[in-house]
C-alpha atoms as a PDB file:
ATOM      1  CA  MET A   1    -145.727  69.694 -51.270  1.00  0.00           C
ATOM      2  CA  ARG A   2    -148.925  71.513 -51.884  1.00  0.00           C
ATOM      3  CA  TYR A   3    -151.734  70.169 -54.006  1.00  0.00           C
ATOM      4  CA  PHE A   4    -154.891  71.791 -55.436  1.00  0.00           C
ATOM      5  CA  ILE A   5    -158.192  69.744 -55.356  1.00  0.00           C
ATOM      6  CA  TYR A   6    -160.670  70.714 -58.049  1.00  0.00           C
ATOM      7  CA  LEU A   7    -164.229  69.660 -56.874  1.00  0.00           C
ATOM      8  CA  GLN A   8    -167.891  70.055 -57.227  1.00  0.00           C
ATOM      9  CA  TYR A   9    -170.709  69.690 -54.673  1.00  0.00           C
ATOM     10  CA  ASP A  10    -174.449  69.864 -54.193  1.00  0.00           C
ATOM     11  CA  GLY A  11    -174.658  71.935 -50.983  1.00  0.00           C
ATOM     12  CA  THR A  12    -178.298  71.015 -50.032  1.00  0.00           C
ATOM     13  CA  HIS A  13    -177.475  68.816 -47.064  1.00  0.00           C
ATOM     14  CA  TYR A  14    -174.424  70.989 -45.810  1.00  0.00           C
ATOM     15  CA  HIS A  15    -174.143  73.929 -43.760  1.00  0.00           C
ATOM     16  CA  GLY A  16    -171.763  75.652 -46.172  1.00  0.00           C
ATOM     17  CA  TRP A  17    -168.215  74.927 -47.058  1.00  0.00           C
ATOM     18  CA  GLN A  18    -166.348  75.721 -43.851  1.00  0.00           C
ATOM     19  CA  ASN A  19    -165.954  73.661 -40.798  1.00  0.00           C
ATOM     20  CA  GLN A  20    -168.248  74.613 -37.835  1.00  0.00           C
ATOM     21  CA  PRO A  21    -169.330  73.085 -34.623  1.00  0.00           C
ATOM     22  CA  ASP A  22    -172.322  70.830 -34.539  1.00  0.00           C
ATOM     23  CA  ALA A  23    -172.957  71.083 -38.246  1.00  0.00           C
ATOM     24  CA  VAL A  24    -171.867  69.130 -41.110  1.00  0.00           C
ATOM     25  CA  SER A  25    -169.799  70.992 -43.772  1.00  0.00           C
ATOM     26  CA  VAL A  26    -168.258  70.170 -47.151  1.00  0.00           C
ATOM     27  CA  GLN A  27    -164.751  70.907 -45.821  1.00  0.00           C
ATOM     28  CA  GLU A  28    -165.141  68.472 -42.927  1.00  0.00           C
ATOM     29  CA  VAL A  29    -166.352  65.619 -45.145  1.00  0.00           C
ATOM     30  CA  ILE A  30    -163.474  65.895 -47.565  1.00  0.00           C
ATOM     31  CA  GLU A  31    -160.888  66.362 -44.818  1.00  0.00           C
ATOM     32  CA  LYS A  32    -161.994  63.125 -43.038  1.00  0.00           C
ATOM     33  CA  LYS A  33    -161.971  61.033 -46.175  1.00  0.00           C
ATOM     34  CA  LEU A  34    -158.595  62.472 -47.447  1.00  0.00           C
ATOM     35  CA  SER A  35    -157.057  61.807 -44.045  1.00  0.00           C
ATOM     36  CA  MET A  36    -158.250  58.339 -44.040  1.00  0.00           C
ATOM     37  CA  LEU A  37    -156.752  57.614 -47.439  1.00  0.00           C
ATOM     38  CA  MET A  38    -153.373  59.307 -46.662  1.00  0.00           C
ATOM     39  CA  ARG A  39    -153.237  57.815 -43.213  1.00  0.00           C
ATOM     40  CA  ARG A  40    -152.651  60.995 -41.386  1.00  0.00           C
ATOM     41  CA  GLU A  41    -154.627  64.074 -40.339  1.00  0.00           C
ATOM     42  CA  LEU A  42    -154.849  66.589 -43.134  1.00  0.00           C
ATOM     43  CA  PHE A  43    -156.499  69.936 -43.381  1.00  0.00           C
ATOM     44  CA  ILE A  44    -157.747  71.624 -46.566  1.00  0.00           C
ATOM     45  CA  VAL A  45    -158.157  75.372 -47.338  1.00  0.00           C
ATOM     46  CA  GLY A  46    -161.008  76.300 -49.688  1.00  0.00           C
ATOM     47  CA  ALA A  47    -161.142  79.114 -52.122  1.00  0.00           C
ATOM     48  CA  GLY A  48    -164.164  80.672 -50.351  1.00  0.00           C
ATOM     49  CA  ARG A  49    -166.922  80.090 -47.800  1.00  0.00           C
ATOM     50  CA  THR A  50    -170.094  79.257 -49.593  1.00  0.00           C
ATOM     51  CA  ASP A  51    -173.231  79.645 -47.478  1.00  0.00           C
ATOM     52  CA  ALA A  52    -175.503  76.826 -46.361  1.00  0.00           C
ATOM     53  CA  GLY A  53    -177.358  75.297 -49.223  1.00  0.00           C
ATOM     54  CA  VAL A  54    -175.050  76.858 -51.923  1.00  0.00           C
ATOM     55  CA  HIS A  55    -173.810  74.506 -54.674  1.00  0.00           C
ATOM     56  CA  ALA A  56    -170.469  74.665 -56.410  1.00  0.00           C
ATOM     57  CA  ARG A  57    -169.798  73.720 -60.039  1.00  0.00           C
ATOM     58  CA  LEU A  58    -166.176  74.349 -59.424  1.00  0.00           C
ATOM     59  CA  MET A  59    -164.463  74.845 -56.065  1.00  0.00           C
ATOM     60  CA  VAL A  60    -160.806  74.834 -55.384  1.00  0.00           C
ATOM     61  CA  ALA A  61    -159.025  73.823 -52.218  1.00  0.00           C
ATOM     62  CA  HIS A  62    -155.459  73.011 -51.294  1.00  0.00           C
ATOM     63  CA  PHE A  63    -153.740  70.640 -48.798  1.00  0.00           C
ATOM     64  CA  GLU A  64    -150.126  70.193 -47.931  1.00  0.00           C
ATOM     65  CA  ILE A  65    -147.978  67.008 -47.096  1.00  0.00           C
ATOM     66  CA  GLU A  66    -144.371  67.067 -46.131  1.00  0.00           C
ATOM     67  CA  ASP A  67    -142.691  63.777 -47.281  1.00  0.00           C
ATOM     68  CA  PRO A  68    -146.062  62.197 -47.912  1.00  0.00           C
ATOM     69  CA  PRO A  69    -146.590  58.456 -47.465  1.00  0.00           C
ATOM     70  CA  GLN A  70    -148.031  56.368 -50.307  1.00  0.00           C
ATOM     71  CA  PRO A  71    -151.809  56.775 -50.319  1.00  0.00           C
ATOM     72  CA  SER A  72    -153.897  53.772 -49.541  1.00  0.00           C
ATOM     73  CA  LEU A  73    -155.148  52.755 -53.039  1.00  0.00           C
ATOM     74  CA  LYS A  74    -156.138  49.115 -52.969  1.00  0.00           C
ATOM     75  CA  GLY A  75    -156.451  47.609 -56.347  1.00  0.00           C
ATOM     76  CA  ARG A  76    -154.366  50.247 -58.061  1.00  0.00           C
ATOM     77  CA  GLU A  77    -150.663  50.038 -58.446  1.00  0.00           C
ATOM     78  CA  LEU A  78    -148.717  53.185 -57.580  1.00  0.00           C
ATOM     79  CA  ALA A  79    -146.516  54.713 -60.228  1.00  0.00           C
ATOM     80  CA  PRO A  80    -142.796  54.945 -59.551  1.00  0.00           C
ATOM     81  CA  GLN A  81    -141.675  58.026 -57.651  1.00  0.00           C
ATOM     82  CA  THR A  82    -139.740  59.762 -60.459  1.00  0.00           C
ATOM     83  CA  ASP A  83    -140.591  63.311 -59.739  1.00  0.00           C
ATOM     84  CA  GLN A  84    -138.876  64.582 -56.592  1.00  0.00           C
ATOM     85  CA  LYS A  85    -141.218  67.673 -56.389  1.00  0.00           C
ATOM     86  CA  SER A  86    -144.379  65.398 -56.266  1.00  0.00           C
ATOM     87  CA  PRO A  87    -143.616  62.073 -54.695  1.00  0.00           C
ATOM     88  CA  TYR A  88    -146.682  60.325 -56.264  1.00  0.00           C
ATOM     89  CA  LYS A  89    -147.501  62.811 -59.090  1.00  0.00           C
ATOM     90  CA  GLU A  90    -148.223  59.993 -61.539  1.00  0.00           C
ATOM     91  CA  ASP A  91    -150.842  58.611 -59.434  1.00  0.00           C
ATOM     92  CA  LEU A  92    -152.767  61.688 -58.505  1.00  0.00           C
ATOM     93  CA  GLU A  93    -155.485  60.452 -60.885  1.00  0.00           C
ATOM     94  CA  GLY A  94    -155.676  57.380 -58.770  1.00  0.00           C
ATOM     95  CA  LEU A  95    -156.028  59.264 -55.572  1.00  0.00           C
ATOM     96  CA  ALA A  96    -158.838  61.460 -57.065  1.00  0.00           C
ATOM     97  CA  PHE A  97    -160.436  58.182 -58.131  1.00  0.00           C
ATOM     98  CA  LYS A  98    -160.128  56.530 -54.716  1.00  0.00           C
ATOM     99  CA  LEU A  99    -161.427  59.811 -53.048  1.00  0.00           C
ATOM    100  CA  ASN A 100    -164.460  59.841 -55.231  1.00  0.00           C
ATOM    101  CA  GLY A 101    -165.078  56.244 -54.153  1.00  0.00           C
ATOM    102  CA  VAL A 102    -165.308  57.041 -50.447  1.00  0.00           C
ATOM    103  CA  LEU A 103    -167.145  60.537 -50.675  1.00  0.00           C
ATOM    104  CA  PRO A 104    -170.834  60.773 -50.665  1.00  0.00           C
ATOM    105  CA  PRO A 105    -172.685  61.165 -54.054  1.00  0.00           C
ATOM    106  CA  ASP A 106    -173.043  64.929 -53.559  1.00  0.00           C
ATOM    107  CA  ILE A 107    -169.312  65.680 -53.611  1.00  0.00           C
ATOM    108  CA  SER A 108    -167.198  64.988 -56.560  1.00  0.00           C
ATOM    109  CA  ILE A 109    -163.407  65.462 -57.134  1.00  0.00           C
ATOM    110  CA  ILE A 110    -162.582  66.524 -60.636  1.00  0.00           C
ATOM    111  CA  LYS A 111    -158.750  66.327 -60.353  1.00  0.00           C
ATOM    112  CA  ILE A 112    -155.821  66.887 -57.858  1.00  0.00           C
ATOM    113  CA  VAL A 113    -152.770  68.551 -59.195  1.00  0.00           C
ATOM    114  CA  PRO A 114    -149.414  69.723 -57.562  1.00  0.00           C
ATOM    115  CA  VAL A 115    -148.815  73.420 -57.411  1.00  0.00           C
ATOM    116  CA  ARG A 116    -146.015  75.788 -56.251  1.00  0.00           C
ATOM    117  CA  ALA A 117    -145.500  76.209 -52.595  1.00  0.00           C
ATOM    118  CA  ASP A 118    -146.847  79.790 -52.665  1.00  0.00           C
ATOM    119  CA  ALA A 119    -150.072  78.835 -54.560  1.00  0.00           C
ATOM    120  CA  HIS A 120    -153.011  79.423 -52.257  1.00  0.00           C
ATOM    121  CA  ALA A 121    -156.648  78.272 -52.821  1.00  0.00           C
ATOM    122  CA  ARG A 122    -158.014  81.364 -51.156  1.00  0.00           C
ATOM    123  CA  PHE A 123    -155.688  84.221 -51.939  1.00  0.00           C
ATOM    124  CA  SER A 124    -154.272  83.214 -55.420  1.00  0.00           C
ATOM    125  CA  PRO A 125    -157.653  83.376 -57.251  1.00  0.00           C
ATOM    126  CA  THR A 126    -158.255  86.768 -59.080  1.00  0.00           C
ATOM    127  CA  SER A 127    -162.019  86.350 -59.165  1.00  0.00           C
ATOM    128  CA  ARG A 128    -165.056  84.372 -58.071  1.00  0.00           C
ATOM    129  CA  LEU A 129    -168.299  83.834 -60.008  1.00  0.00           C
ATOM    130  CA  TYR A 130    -171.783  83.028 -58.783  1.00  0.00           C
ATOM    131  CA  ARG A 131    -174.999  82.357 -60.869  1.00  0.00           C
ATOM    132  CA  TYR A 132    -178.417  82.397 -59.359  1.00  0.00           C
ATOM    133  CA  TYR A 133    -181.384  80.817 -61.102  1.00  0.00           C
ATOM    134  CA  VAL A 134    -184.934  82.050 -60.996  1.00  0.00           C
ATOM    135  CA  THR A 135    -188.059  80.846 -62.773  1.00  0.00           C
ATOM    136  CA  THR A 136    -191.678  81.453 -63.201  1.00  0.00           C
ATOM    137  CA  ARG A 137    -192.503  77.848 -63.937  1.00  0.00           C
ATOM    138  CA  LYS A 138    -193.221  74.970 -61.572  1.00  0.00           C
ATOM    139  CA  SER A 139    -190.821  72.068 -62.131  1.00  0.00           C
ATOM    140  CA  PRO A 140    -190.298  68.985 -59.923  1.00  0.00           C
ATOM    141  CA  PHE A 141    -186.875  68.643 -61.262  1.00  0.00           C
ATOM    142  CA  ASP A 142    -185.755  72.237 -60.551  1.00  0.00           C
ATOM    143  CA  ARG A 143    -187.298  72.789 -57.128  1.00  0.00           C
ATOM    144  CA  ASP A 144    -184.004  72.355 -55.160  1.00  0.00           C
ATOM    145  CA  TYR A 145    -181.866  74.436 -57.621  1.00  0.00           C
ATOM    146  CA  VAL A 146    -184.029  77.169 -59.047  1.00  0.00           C
ATOM    147  CA  TYR A 147    -186.040  79.902 -57.090  1.00  0.00           C
ATOM    148  CA  ARG A 148    -189.619  80.021 -58.151  1.00  0.00           C
ATOM    149  CA  ILE A 149    -191.386  83.382 -58.471  1.00  0.00           C
ATOM    150  CA  PHE A 150    -195.076  84.020 -59.244  1.00  0.00           C
ATOM    151  CA  TRP A 151    -194.622  87.159 -61.296  1.00  0.00           C
ATOM    152  CA  GLU A 152    -192.960  88.292 -64.471  1.00  0.00           C
ATOM    153  CA  PRO A 153    -189.779  90.255 -63.543  1.00  0.00           C
ATOM    154  CA  ASP A 154    -188.755  93.499 -65.332  1.00  0.00           C
ATOM    155  CA  ILE A 155    -185.362  92.190 -66.468  1.00  0.00           C
ATOM    156  CA  ALA A 156    -184.402  95.450 -68.175  1.00  0.00           C
ATOM    157  CA  LEU A 157    -184.980  97.348 -65.028  1.00  0.00           C
ATOM    158  CA  MET A 158    -183.012  94.634 -62.974  1.00  0.00           C
ATOM    159  CA  ASN A 159    -180.138  94.968 -65.496  1.00  0.00           C
ATOM    160  CA  GLU A 160    -180.198  98.765 -65.161  1.00  0.00           C
ATOM    161  CA  ALA A 161    -179.928  98.421 -61.412  1.00  0.00           C
ATOM    162  CA  ALA A 162    -177.271  95.787 -61.627  1.00  0.00           C
ATOM    163  CA  GLN A 163    -175.019  98.204 -63.553  1.00  0.00           C
ATOM    164  CA  LYS A 164    -174.999 100.537 -60.553  1.00  0.00           C
ATOM    165  CA  LEU A 165    -173.059  97.949 -58.659  1.00  0.00           C
ATOM    166  CA  PHE A 166    -169.997  98.960 -60.680  1.00  0.00           C
ATOM    167  CA  ASN A 167    -170.141 102.462 -59.018  1.00  0.00           C
ATOM    168  CA  TYR A 168    -169.488 101.151 -55.448  1.00  0.00           C
ATOM    169  CA  ILE A 169    -166.722  99.382 -53.643  1.00  0.00           C
ATOM    170  CA  ASP A 170    -168.100  99.138 -50.000  1.00  0.00           C
ATOM    171  CA  PHE A 171    -170.803  96.628 -49.826  1.00  0.00           C
ATOM    172  CA  THR A 172    -171.448  96.535 -45.955  1.00  0.00           C
ATOM    173  CA  SER A 173    -175.180  97.043 -46.563  1.00  0.00           C
ATOM    174  CA  PHE A 174    -175.290  93.652 -48.397  1.00  0.00           C
ATOM    175  CA  SER A 175    -173.193  91.748 -45.903  1.00  0.00           C
ATOM    176  CA  LYS A 176    -174.222  89.752 -42.743  1.00  0.00           C
ATOM    177  CA  LEU A 177    -172.966  91.823 -39.764  1.00  0.00           C
ATOM    178  CA  HIS A 178    -170.240  90.889 -37.283  1.00  0.00           C
ATOM    179  CA  THR A 179    -168.152  88.741 -39.581  1.00  0.00           C
ATOM    180  CA  ASP A 180    -164.481  88.294 -39.295  1.00  0.00           C
ATOM    181  CA  VAL A 181    -163.309  89.989 -42.445  1.00  0.00           C
ATOM    182  CA  LYS A 182    -161.012  92.891 -42.353  1.00  0.00           C
ATOM    183  CA  THR A 183    -162.719  94.979 -45.064  1.00  0.00           C
ATOM    184  CA  ASN A 184    -166.143  95.066 -46.760  1.00  0.00           C
ATOM    185  CA  ASN A 185    -164.639  96.337 -50.007  1.00  0.00           C
ATOM    186  CA  CYS A 186    -165.299  94.302 -53.119  1.00  0.00           C
ATOM    187  CA  ARG A 187    -164.618  94.983 -56.716  1.00  0.00           C
ATOM    188  CA  ILE A 188    -167.489  93.915 -59.007  1.00  0.00           C
ATOM    189  CA  MET A 189    -166.241  92.746 -62.436  1.00  0.00           C
ATOM    190  CA  GLU A 190    -169.497  91.405 -63.943  1.00  0.00           C
ATOM    191  CA  ALA A 191    -173.234  91.681 -63.026  1.00  0.00           C
ATOM    192  CA  HIS A 192    -176.174  90.981 -65.382  1.00  0.00           C
ATOM    193  CA  TRP A 193    -179.388  89.128 -65.842  1.00  0.00           C
ATOM    194  CA  ASP A 194    -180.124  86.821 -68.770  1.00  0.00           C
ATOM    195  CA  GLN A 195    -183.412  85.288 -69.750  1.00  0.00           C
ATOM    196  CA  HIS A 196    -183.811  81.775 -71.239  1.00  0.00           C
ATOM    197  CA  GLY A 197    -187.560  81.256 -71.785  1.00  0.00           C
ATOM    198  CA  ASP A 198    -189.175  81.240 -68.350  1.00  0.00           C
ATOM    199  CA  GLN A 199    -185.871  81.101 -66.499  1.00  0.00           C
ATOM    200  CA  TYR A 200    -183.776  84.103 -65.408  1.00  0.00           C
ATOM    201  CA  VAL A 201    -180.080  83.758 -64.585  1.00  0.00           C
ATOM    202  CA  PHE A 202    -178.131  86.347 -62.567  1.00  0.00           C
ATOM    203  CA  THR A 203    -174.450  86.237 -63.061  1.00  0.00           C
ATOM    204  CA  ILE A 204    -171.983  88.105 -60.750  1.00  0.00           C
ATOM    205  CA  LYS A 205    -168.210  88.199 -60.663  1.00  0.00           C
ATOM    206  CA  ALA A 206    -165.920  89.915 -58.196  1.00  0.00           C
ATOM    207  CA  ASP A 207    -162.562  89.683 -56.693  1.00  0.00           C
ATOM    208  CA  ARG A 208    -164.194  88.643 -53.423  1.00  0.00           C
ATOM    209  CA  PHE A 209    -167.650  88.502 -51.769  1.00  0.00           C
ATOM    210  CA  LEU A 210    -168.903  89.089 -48.260  1.00  0.00           C
ATOM    211  CA  ARG A 211    -171.032  86.609 -46.312  1.00  0.00           C
ATOM    212  CA  ASN A 212    -174.656  86.477 -47.649  1.00  0.00           C
ATOM    213  CA  MET A 213    -173.601  89.406 -50.185  1.00  0.00           C
ATOM    214  CA  VAL A 214    -174.860  87.551 -53.330  1.00  0.00           C
ATOM    215  CA  ARG A 215    -178.125  86.514 -51.991  1.00  0.00           C
ATOM    216  CA  ALA A 216    -178.750  89.998 -50.634  1.00  0.00           C
ATOM    217  CA  ILE A 217    -177.992  91.538 -53.939  1.00  0.00           C
ATOM    218  CA  VAL A 218    -180.262  89.132 -55.852  1.00  0.00           C
ATOM    219  CA  GLY A 219    -183.196  89.526 -53.524  1.00  0.00           C
ATOM    220  CA  THR A 220    -182.901  93.300 -53.594  1.00  0.00           C
ATOM    221  CA  LEU A 221    -182.724  93.298 -57.435  1.00  0.00           C
ATOM    222  CA  LEU A 222    -185.826  91.121 -57.571  1.00  0.00           C
ATOM    223  CA  LEU A 223    -187.628  93.867 -55.683  1.00  0.00           C
ATOM    224  CA  VAL A 224    -186.500  96.169 -58.365  1.00  0.00           C
ATOM    225  CA  GLY A 225    -187.794  93.788 -60.990  1.00  0.00           C
ATOM    226  CA  ARG A 226    -191.109  93.677 -59.220  1.00  0.00           C
ATOM    227  CA  HIS A 227    -191.460  97.445 -59.068  1.00  0.00           C
ATOM    228  CA  LYS A 228    -191.232  97.332 -55.316  1.00  0.00           C
ATOM    229  CA  LEU A 229    -188.068  99.318 -55.189  1.00  0.00           C
ATOM    230  CA  THR A 230    -186.771 102.054 -57.532  1.00  0.00           C
ATOM    231  CA  ILE A 231    -183.182 102.137 -58.900  1.00  0.00           C
ATOM    232  CA  GLU A 232    -182.574 105.264 -56.722  1.00  0.00           C
ATOM    233  CA  GLN A 233    -183.700 103.390 -53.599  1.00  0.00           C
ATOM    234  CA  PHE A 234    -181.398 100.486 -54.628  1.00  0.00           C
ATOM    235  CA  CYS A 235    -178.498 102.965 -54.709  1.00  0.00           C
ATOM    236  CA  ARG A 236    -179.330 104.354 -51.374  1.00  0.00           C
ATOM    237  CA  ILE A 237    -179.339 100.940 -49.790  1.00  0.00           C
ATOM    238  CA  ILE A 238    -175.739 100.370 -51.070  1.00  0.00           C
END
């Protein structure tokens, strides 16, 4: 049986989502705690590979169990196994509750739901969405989550440049080199800046993203907004 986990995390203290040697990842922490609760080694597959320090308001991952045992949920009575498709469907809320209890404070489980056998956390989604936050104001509360700049960006010019992204598919120039992807083609669905007082928010949505792609786009658009780069030069970079 396959299950989707809907979760959130603060990525400050992690080297991204995906497991890697000699570095702590979000995936590794969840796998260890889930395996402990289910009393067997389990592996989870995430919807994407967020970079080090990137946070997720909503991430989806999946795991599979064939003929799963009852999870170790001390203090919570398990519901009867009335659904053959999901042996403990009625207590998935309890499993999420217990998983939240053993995970660190910077990772939170929203819900766990049974899905079709062919549903895949990475390949089933039709889009991904990132938001980057930039501010011109110093704030002790935003310092870990908002990038501070010391100049007023030209948001109209940045939006004009962002619209040029829709004219391209190959984003090799905005990707880290020597990654294991088969193609550098991405279909941009949404890209724009919005201003809220002294805060600027860049939203970008696509069917997929390359490694470091969003960071590179944001950094380059900020050069446009600082009049260090023309829109024509931005297009030539792509």
